[in-house]
Amino acid sequence: MPYNKIYIQNNLQELRKSYHMRQVDLARMLGFKNEERLSQWEHGGAMPGAINLIKLCILYNVTPKSLYPELYKEIESCLNSRVDKAIEKVNEETRSVLNGREVAHTAPIMSSNSESNSCFEI
């Protein structure tokens, strides 16, 4: 699900409950006056900024991938796709430079294992 959709799937509520915390308790730990922002994050209507994401990861002893697994997969897929395209461009440019010369090795100079064609736009 793209970032700009209404709902951003996450595991925030499940993690909080696994630590037997109420929203108001976690909100106070994060330095908020109330739990409104935390509720928005848990229900997927908004995402924490970088600092608050790091705070959540520290409090729950998890990675961002654990908090937002679907978003992580989409971003990873996008980056892999972009890396593949950049690698292919380098390979093409290198082939054009070497064109006309006798080259013993004709395999790609660089490679990547990604098979994703979709790209996540931020």
N, C-alpha and C. Protein backbone atom coordinates (compact mmCIF):
# COMPACT_ATOMS: atom_id res chain seq x y z
N MET A 1 0.85 -1.18 0.00
CA MET A 1 0.00 0.00 0.00
C MET A 1 0.89 1.24 0.00
N PRO A 2 0.73 2.12 -0.96
CA PRO A 2 1.57 3.32 -1.02
C PRO A 2 1.40 4.22 0.19
N TYR A 3 2.47 4.94 0.49
CA TYR A 3 2.53 5.83 1.65
C TYR A 3 1.41 6.85 1.65
N ASN A 4 0.98 7.34 0.49
CA ASN A 4 0.01 8.43 0.45
C ASN A 4 -1.44 7.96 0.56
N LYS A 5 -1.67 6.69 0.78
CA LYS A 5 -3.03 6.19 0.99
C LYS A 5 -3.49 6.56 2.40
N ILE A 6 -4.78 6.36 2.65
CA ILE A 6 -5.38 6.74 3.92
C ILE A 6 -4.85 5.90 5.08
N TYR A 7 -4.65 4.62 4.88
CA TYR A 7 -4.26 3.73 5.96
C TYR A 7 -2.86 3.16 5.73
N ILE A 8 -1.99 3.31 6.70
CA ILE A 8 -0.63 2.77 6.62
C ILE A 8 -0.54 1.63 7.62
N GLN A 9 -0.52 0.41 7.10
CA GLN A 9 -0.51 -0.77 7.96
C GLN A 9 0.72 -0.77 8.85
N ASN A 10 0.51 -1.12 10.12
CA ASN A 10 1.62 -1.16 11.07
C ASN A 10 1.33 -2.12 12.21
N ASN A 11 2.32 -2.33 13.05
CA ASN A 11 2.19 -3.22 14.21
C ASN A 11 2.29 -2.45 15.52
N LEU A 12 2.03 -1.16 15.49
CA LEU A 12 2.21 -0.33 16.68
C LEU A 12 1.30 -0.73 17.83
N GLN A 13 0.03 -0.91 17.54
CA GLN A 13 -0.91 -1.26 18.60
C GLN A 13 -0.59 -2.62 19.22
N GLU A 14 -0.26 -3.58 18.37
CA GLU A 14 0.05 -4.92 18.87
C GLU A 14 1.28 -4.89 19.78
N LEU A 15 2.30 -4.14 19.36
CA LEU A 15 3.50 -4.04 20.19
C LEU A 15 3.21 -3.37 21.52
N ARG A 16 2.49 -2.27 21.46
CA ARG A 16 2.16 -1.56 22.71
C ARG A 16 1.41 -2.48 23.66
N LYS A 17 0.43 -3.20 23.14
CA LYS A 17 -0.35 -4.10 23.99
C LYS A 17 0.49 -5.26 24.51
N SER A 18 1.45 -5.70 23.72
CA SER A 18 2.31 -6.79 24.19
C SER A 18 3.16 -6.36 25.38
N TYR A 19 3.39 -5.05 25.50
CA TYR A 19 4.11 -4.50 26.65
C TYR A 19 3.15 -4.06 27.76
N HIS A 20 1.88 -4.37 27.61
CA HIS A 20 0.84 -4.06 28.60
C HIS A 20 0.80 -2.57 28.92
N MET A 21 0.90 -1.75 27.87
CA MET A 21 0.85 -0.30 28.05
C MET A 21 -0.43 0.26 27.45
N ARG A 22 -0.90 1.31 28.06
CA ARG A 22 -2.02 2.07 27.50
C ARG A 22 -1.44 3.14 26.59
N GLN A 23 -2.28 3.65 25.69
CA GLN A 23 -1.83 4.71 24.80
C GLN A 23 -1.34 5.91 25.60
N VAL A 24 -2.04 6.27 26.63
CA VAL A 24 -1.66 7.44 27.42
C VAL A 24 -0.29 7.25 28.07
N ASP A 25 0.02 6.03 28.49
CA ASP A 25 1.33 5.76 29.09
C ASP A 25 2.44 5.93 28.06
N LEU A 26 2.26 5.36 26.89
CA LEU A 26 3.26 5.47 25.84
C LEU A 26 3.39 6.92 25.37
N ALA A 27 2.27 7.60 25.26
CA ALA A 27 2.30 9.01 24.84
C ALA A 27 3.16 9.83 25.80
N ARG A 28 3.01 9.60 27.09
CA ARG A 28 3.82 10.32 28.08
C ARG A 28 5.29 9.97 27.95
N MET A 29 5.59 8.70 27.70
CA MET A 29 6.99 8.29 27.52
C MET A 29 7.62 9.00 26.33
N LEU A 30 6.81 9.23 25.30
CA LEU A 30 7.30 9.90 24.10
C LEU A 30 7.31 11.42 24.24
N GLY A 31 6.75 11.92 25.33
CA GLY A 31 6.76 13.35 25.59
C GLY A 31 5.54 14.09 25.07
N PHE A 32 4.44 13.37 24.81
CA PHE A 32 3.22 14.01 24.33
C PHE A 32 2.29 14.31 25.50
N LYS A 33 1.46 15.33 25.34
CA LYS A 33 0.50 15.70 26.38
C LYS A 33 -0.69 14.75 26.42
N ASN A 34 -1.02 14.18 25.27
CA ASN A 34 -2.13 13.23 25.21
C ASN A 34 -1.81 12.15 24.16
N GLU A 35 -2.73 11.24 24.00
CA GLU A 35 -2.50 10.09 23.13
C GLU A 35 -3.03 10.26 21.71
N GLU A 36 -3.48 11.45 21.35
CA GLU A 36 -4.09 11.67 20.04
C GLU A 36 -3.16 11.30 18.87
N ARG A 37 -1.93 11.77 18.91
CA ARG A 37 -0.99 11.48 17.83
C ARG A 37 -0.69 9.99 17.77
N LEU A 38 -0.50 9.37 18.91
CA LEU A 38 -0.23 7.94 18.97
C LEU A 38 -1.40 7.15 18.39
N SER A 39 -2.61 7.57 18.69
CA SER A 39 -3.79 6.91 18.14
C SER A 39 -3.81 7.00 16.61
N GLN A 40 -3.45 8.16 16.07
CA GLN A 40 -3.39 8.32 14.62
C GLN A 40 -2.37 7.37 14.01
N TRP A 41 -1.22 7.24 14.66
CA TRP A 41 -0.19 6.32 14.15
C TRP A 41 -0.69 4.89 14.18
N GLU A 42 -1.27 4.48 15.30
CA GLU A 42 -1.72 3.10 15.46
C GLU A 42 -2.81 2.74 14.46
N HIS A 43 -3.66 3.70 14.14
CA HIS A 43 -4.75 3.44 13.20
C HIS A 43 -4.36 3.69 11.75
N GLY A 44 -3.10 4.04 11.52
CA GLY A 44 -2.59 4.19 10.16
C GLY A 44 -2.94 5.48 9.47
N GLY A 45 -3.48 6.44 10.19
CA GLY A 45 -3.83 7.72 9.58
C GLY A 45 -2.66 8.66 9.44
N ALA A 46 -1.58 8.39 10.15
CA ALA A 46 -0.37 9.20 10.11
C ALA A 46 0.81 8.32 10.49
N MET A 47 2.00 8.83 10.25
CA MET A 47 3.22 8.11 10.62
C MET A 47 4.08 8.97 11.52
N PRO A 48 4.81 8.33 12.42
CA PRO A 48 5.74 9.11 13.24
C PRO A 48 6.88 9.66 12.40
N GLY A 49 7.41 10.79 12.81
CA GLY A 49 8.60 11.32 12.16
C GLY A 49 9.81 10.48 12.54
N ALA A 50 10.96 10.83 12.00
CA ALA A 50 12.17 10.04 12.21
C ALA A 50 12.53 9.90 13.69
N ILE A 51 12.49 10.99 14.43
CA ILE A 51 12.86 10.95 15.85
C ILE A 51 11.92 10.05 16.63
N ASN A 52 10.61 10.20 16.41
CA ASN A 52 9.65 9.38 17.14
C ASN A 52 9.70 7.92 16.69
N LEU A 53 10.00 7.68 15.44
CA LEU A 53 10.17 6.31 14.97
C LEU A 53 11.34 5.65 15.70
N ILE A 54 12.43 6.38 15.84
CA ILE A 54 13.59 5.85 16.57
C ILE A 54 13.23 5.61 18.04
N LYS A 55 12.50 6.53 18.64
CA LYS A 55 12.08 6.35 20.03
C LYS A 55 11.25 5.07 20.18
N LEU A 56 10.31 4.86 19.26
CA LEU A 56 9.48 3.65 19.31
C LEU A 56 10.33 2.39 19.17
N CYS A 57 11.27 2.43 18.25
CA CYS A 57 12.17 1.28 18.05
C CYS A 57 12.97 0.99 19.31
N ILE A 58 13.43 2.03 19.98
CA ILE A 58 14.20 1.85 21.22
C ILE A 58 13.29 1.29 22.32
N LEU A 59 12.12 1.88 22.49
CA LEU A 59 11.20 1.43 23.55
C LEU A 59 10.78 -0.03 23.37
N TYR A 60 10.52 -0.42 22.12
CA TYR A 60 10.05 -1.78 21.84
C TYR A 60 11.19 -2.74 21.50
N ASN A 61 12.41 -2.21 21.39
CA ASN A 61 13.57 -3.01 21.02
C ASN A 61 13.34 -3.77 19.70
N VAL A 62 12.90 -3.01 18.70
CA VAL A 62 12.63 -3.57 17.37
C VAL A 62 13.22 -2.66 16.30
N THR A 63 13.14 -3.11 15.06
CA THR A 63 13.57 -2.30 13.91
C THR A 63 12.35 -1.64 13.27
N PRO A 64 12.56 -0.62 12.43
CA PRO A 64 11.43 -0.03 11.70
C PRO A 64 10.69 -1.08 10.87
N LYS A 65 11.41 -2.07 10.37
CA LYS A 65 10.79 -3.14 9.59
C LYS A 65 9.73 -3.87 10.40
N SER A 66 9.95 -4.02 11.69
CA SER A 66 8.97 -4.67 12.57
C SER A 66 7.75 -3.80 12.81
N LEU A 67 7.94 -2.49 12.80
CA LEU A 67 6.82 -1.58 13.03
C LEU A 67 5.95 -1.39 11.79
N TYR A 68 6.59 -1.31 10.63
CA TYR A 68 5.90 -1.06 9.36
C TYR A 68 6.35 -2.07 8.31
N PRO A 69 5.98 -3.35 8.45
CA PRO A 69 6.51 -4.37 7.54
C PRO A 69 6.10 -4.19 6.08
N GLU A 70 4.87 -3.82 5.81
CA GLU A 70 4.43 -3.66 4.42
C GLU A 70 5.09 -2.45 3.77
N LEU A 71 5.16 -1.36 4.48
CA LEU A 71 5.82 -0.16 3.97
C LEU A 71 7.30 -0.44 3.72
N TYR A 72 7.92 -1.16 4.64
CA TYR A 72 9.32 -1.53 4.49
C TYR A 72 9.53 -2.34 3.20
N LYS A 73 8.65 -3.31 2.97
CA LYS A 73 8.76 -4.13 1.75
C LYS A 73 8.64 -3.29 0.49
N GLU A 74 7.71 -2.34 0.49
CA GLU A 74 7.53 -1.48 -0.67
C GLU A 74 8.75 -0.59 -0.92
N ILE A 75 9.29 -0.02 0.14
CA ILE A 75 10.46 0.83 0.00
C ILE A 75 11.66 -0.01 -0.45
N GLU A 76 11.81 -1.18 0.13
CA GLU A 76 12.90 -2.08 -0.26
C GLU A 76 12.79 -2.46 -1.74
N SER A 77 11.59 -2.76 -2.18
CA SER A 77 11.36 -3.12 -3.57
C SER A 77 11.72 -1.96 -4.50
N CYS A 78 11.31 -0.76 -4.12
CA CYS A 78 11.62 0.43 -4.90
C CYS A 78 13.12 0.64 -5.01
N LEU A 79 13.80 0.56 -3.89
CA LEU A 79 15.24 0.77 -3.90
C LEU A 79 15.95 -0.30 -4.73
N ASN A 80 15.52 -1.55 -4.59
CA ASN A 80 16.11 -2.62 -5.39
C ASN A 80 15.92 -2.37 -6.88
N SER A 81 14.74 -1.89 -7.25
CA SER A 81 14.46 -1.59 -8.64
C SER A 81 15.36 -0.48 -9.15
N ARG A 82 15.52 0.55 -8.35
CA ARG A 82 16.38 1.67 -8.74
C ARG A 82 17.84 1.26 -8.83
N VAL A 83 18.28 0.41 -7.91
CA VAL A 83 19.65 -0.10 -7.95
C VAL A 83 19.86 -0.92 -9.22
N ASP A 84 18.89 -1.78 -9.54
CA ASP A 84 18.99 -2.59 -10.75
C ASP A 84 19.13 -1.71 -12.00
N LYS A 85 18.32 -0.66 -12.06
CA LYS A 85 18.38 0.24 -13.21
C LYS A 85 19.73 0.96 -13.27
N ALA A 86 20.24 1.38 -12.12
CA ALA A 86 21.54 2.07 -12.10
C ALA A 86 22.65 1.11 -12.51
N ILE A 87 22.58 -0.12 -12.05
CA ILE A 87 23.59 -1.12 -12.41
C ILE A 87 23.54 -1.39 -13.91
N GLU A 88 22.35 -1.53 -14.44
CA GLU A 88 22.22 -1.78 -15.88
C GLU A 88 22.78 -0.61 -16.68
N LYS A 89 22.54 0.60 -16.22
CA LYS A 89 23.07 1.78 -16.92
C LYS A 89 24.59 1.76 -16.91
N VAL A 90 25.19 1.43 -15.76
CA VAL A 90 26.65 1.34 -15.68
C VAL A 90 27.15 0.26 -16.63
N ASN A 91 26.47 -0.88 -16.66
CA ASN A 91 26.86 -1.96 -17.57
C ASN A 91 26.79 -1.52 -19.03
N GLU A 92 25.71 -0.82 -19.39
CA GLU A 92 25.56 -0.34 -20.77
C GLU A 92 26.64 0.67 -21.12
N GLU A 93 26.92 1.60 -20.21
CA GLU A 93 27.96 2.60 -20.46
C GLU A 93 29.34 1.94 -20.59
N THR A 94 29.57 0.95 -19.77
CA THR A 94 30.86 0.25 -19.83
C THR A 94 30.98 -0.52 -21.14
N ARG A 95 29.89 -1.16 -21.57
CA ARG A 95 29.91 -1.88 -22.85
C ARG A 95 30.17 -0.92 -24.00
N SER A 96 29.56 0.25 -23.95
CA SER A 96 29.77 1.20 -25.05
C SER A 96 31.20 1.71 -25.08
N VAL A 97 31.83 1.87 -23.92
CA VAL A 97 33.23 2.29 -23.86
C VAL A 97 34.13 1.19 -24.42
N LEU A 98 33.79 -0.05 -24.10
CA LEU A 98 34.61 -1.18 -24.54
C LEU A 98 34.25 -1.66 -25.95
N ASN A 99 33.19 -1.12 -26.53
CA ASN A 99 32.74 -1.52 -27.85
C ASN A 99 33.87 -1.33 -28.88
N GLY A 100 34.07 -2.33 -29.70
CA GLY A 100 35.10 -2.24 -30.71
C GLY A 100 36.43 -2.82 -30.25
N ARG A 101 36.58 -3.02 -28.97
CA ARG A 101 37.79 -3.64 -28.46
C ARG A 101 37.52 -5.12 -28.23
N GLU A 102 38.54 -5.91 -28.29
CA GLU A 102 38.38 -7.34 -28.01
C GLU A 102 38.36 -7.50 -26.50
N VAL A 103 37.22 -8.00 -25.98
CA VAL A 103 37.05 -8.16 -24.54
C VAL A 103 36.83 -9.63 -24.25
N ALA A 104 37.63 -10.18 -23.37
CA ALA A 104 37.56 -11.61 -23.04
C ALA A 104 36.32 -11.93 -22.22
N HIS A 105 35.89 -11.02 -21.36
CA HIS A 105 34.76 -11.28 -20.46
C HIS A 105 33.56 -10.47 -20.93
N THR A 106 32.46 -11.14 -21.31
CA THR A 106 31.29 -10.43 -21.82
C THR A 106 30.12 -10.43 -20.85
N ALA A 107 30.27 -11.05 -19.68
CA ALA A 107 29.20 -11.06 -18.68
C ALA A 107 29.06 -9.65 -18.10
N PRO A 108 27.91 -9.35 -17.48
CA PRO A 108 27.74 -8.03 -16.87
C PRO A 108 28.85 -7.74 -15.88
N ILE A 109 29.27 -6.50 -15.83
CA ILE A 109 30.34 -6.09 -14.95
C ILE A 109 29.84 -6.00 -13.51
N MET A 110 28.57 -5.64 -13.37
CA MET A 110 27.94 -5.60 -12.04
C MET A 110 26.62 -6.34 -12.15
N SER A 111 26.12 -6.84 -11.03
CA SER A 111 24.82 -7.51 -11.05
C SER A 111 24.09 -7.28 -9.75
N SER A 112 22.79 -7.56 -9.79
CA SER A 112 21.95 -7.44 -8.61
C SER A 112 20.93 -8.56 -8.64
N ASN A 113 20.48 -9.00 -7.47
CA ASN A 113 19.54 -10.12 -7.40
C ASN A 113 18.08 -9.70 -7.36
N SER A 114 17.78 -8.42 -7.36
CA SER A 114 16.39 -7.98 -7.26
C SER A 114 15.60 -8.34 -8.51
N GLU A 115 14.33 -8.75 -8.29
CA GLU A 115 13.45 -9.06 -9.41
C GLU A 115 12.23 -8.15 -9.42
N SER A 116 12.23 -7.12 -8.60
CA SER A 116 11.07 -6.25 -8.49
C SER A 116 10.99 -5.26 -9.64
N ASN A 117 9.78 -5.03 -10.15
CA ASN A 117 9.57 -4.04 -11.20
C ASN A 117 8.84 -2.81 -10.70
N SER A 118 8.25 -2.89 -9.53
CA SER A 118 7.49 -1.74 -9.02
C SER A 118 8.43 -0.82 -8.24
N CYS A 119 8.00 0.44 -8.17
CA CYS A 119 8.81 1.42 -7.47
C CYS A 119 7.93 2.22 -6.53
N PHE A 120 8.35 2.34 -5.29
CA PHE A 120 7.63 3.10 -4.29
C PHE A 120 8.05 4.55 -4.35
N GLU A 121 7.12 5.43 -4.59
CA GLU A 121 7.42 6.86 -4.67
C GLU A 121 7.08 7.52 -3.35
N ILE A 122 8.03 8.25 -2.81
CA ILE A 122 7.83 8.95 -1.53
C ILE A 122 7.38 10.36 -1.83
